[in-house]
C-alpha cells in the first residue's frame, strides 16, 4: 500500500516537488526522502515503546 506513504510524504512533510534534474539525481533525492521517512517512523516507534515501558 504505497499511496498512504506518498500521501504522508507529500502532505504531512510538505514535500511537493523534486528539485533535482537528471535521472540519477532524482533517484538520490527520492532515496534520501525515503530514508528520512523511515527514520522518522523508527524514531516514533521507539518513543512509543519507551512510554509503555
C-alpha atoms as a PDB file:
ATOM      1  CA  UNK A   1       0.000   0.000   0.000  1.00  0.00           C
ATOM      2  CA  UNK A   2       2.197   2.777  -1.301  1.00  0.00           C
ATOM      3  CA  UNK A   3      -0.348   5.582  -1.602  1.00  0.00           C
ATOM      4  CA  UNK A   4      -0.502   6.093   2.156  1.00  0.00           C
ATOM      5  CA  UNK A   5       3.248   6.610   2.321  1.00  0.00           C
ATOM      6  CA  UNK A   6       3.286   9.049  -0.593  1.00  0.00           C
ATOM      7  CA  UNK A   7       0.410  10.965   0.954  1.00  0.00           C
ATOM      8  CA  UNK A   8       2.290  11.332   4.221  1.00  0.00           C
ATOM      9  CA  UNK A   9       5.454  12.448   2.442  1.00  0.00           C
ATOM     10  CA  UNK A  10       3.607  14.916   0.211  1.00  0.00           C
ATOM     11  CA  UNK A  11       1.174  16.497   2.629  1.00  0.00           C
ATOM     12  CA  UNK A  12       2.395  15.917   6.184  1.00  0.00           C
ATOM     13  CA  UNK A  13       6.067  16.535   5.366  1.00  0.00           C
ATOM     14  CA  UNK A  14       5.327  19.258   2.772  1.00  0.00           C
ATOM     15  CA  UNK A  15       7.440  17.585   0.075  1.00  0.00           C
ATOM     16  CA  UNK A  16       5.718  18.744  -3.093  1.00  0.00           C
ATOM     17  CA  UNK A  17       8.291  18.742  -5.853  1.00  0.00           C
ATOM     18  CA  UNK A  18      11.512  17.068  -6.941  1.00  0.00           C
ATOM     19  CA  UNK A  19      14.164  19.763  -7.137  1.00  0.00           C
ATOM     20  CA  UNK A  20      16.959  17.888  -8.909  1.00  0.00           C
ATOM     21  CA  UNK A  21      17.416  17.282 -12.610  1.00  0.00           C
ATOM     22  CA  UNK A  22      18.655  14.121 -14.212  1.00  0.00           C
ATOM     23  CA  UNK A  23      17.635  10.565 -13.531  1.00  0.00           C
ATOM     24  CA  UNK A  24      20.484   9.785 -11.127  1.00  0.00           C
ATOM     25  CA  UNK A  25      19.920  12.961  -9.096  1.00  0.00           C
ATOM     26  CA  UNK A  26      16.173  12.300  -8.889  1.00  0.00           C
ATOM     27  CA  UNK A  27      16.820   8.759  -7.679  1.00  0.00           C
ATOM     28  CA  UNK A  28      19.164  10.032  -4.975  1.00  0.00           C
ATOM     29  CA  UNK A  29      16.659  12.672  -3.867  1.00  0.00           C
ATOM     30  CA  UNK A  30      13.798  10.183  -3.603  1.00  0.00           C
ATOM     31  CA  UNK A  31      16.119   7.748  -1.839  1.00  0.00           C
ATOM     32  CA  UNK A  32      17.049  10.376   0.772  1.00  0.00           C
ATOM     33  CA  UNK A  33      13.415  11.380   1.322  1.00  0.00           C
ATOM     34  CA  UNK A  34      12.529   7.710   1.783  1.00  0.00           C
ATOM     35  CA  UNK A  35      15.337   7.190   4.290  1.00  0.00           C
ATOM     36  CA  UNK A  36      14.178  10.245   6.221  1.00  0.00           C
ATOM     37  CA  UNK A  37      10.620   8.930   6.302  1.00  0.00           C
ATOM     38  CA  UNK A  38      11.741   5.507   7.531  1.00  0.00           C
ATOM     39  CA  UNK A  39      13.986   7.004  10.223  1.00  0.00           C
ATOM     40  CA  UNK A  40      11.063   9.124  11.419  1.00  0.00           C
ATOM     41  CA  UNK A  41       8.890   6.019  11.671  1.00  0.00           C
ATOM     42  CA  UNK A  42      11.570   4.115  13.601  1.00  0.00           C
ATOM     43  CA  UNK A  43      12.083   7.035  15.996  1.00  0.00           C
ATOM     44  CA  UNK A  44       8.343   7.343  16.680  1.00  0.00           C
ATOM     45  CA  UNK A  45       8.040   3.612  17.287  1.00  0.00           C
ATOM     46  CA  UNK A  46      10.921   3.676  19.777  1.00  0.00           C
ATOM     47  CA  UNK A  47       9.361   6.625  21.605  1.00  0.00           C
ATOM     48  CA  UNK A  48       6.019   4.836  21.866  1.00  0.00           C
ATOM     49  CA  UNK A  49       7.729   1.732  23.248  1.00  0.00           C
ATOM     50  CA  UNK A  50       9.562   3.798  25.865  1.00  0.00           C
ATOM     51  CA  UNK A  51       6.298   5.395  27.011  1.00  0.00           C
ATOM     52  CA  UNK A  52       4.738   1.962  27.527  1.00  0.00           C
ATOM     53  CA  UNK A  53       7.717   0.576  29.442  1.00  0.00           C
END
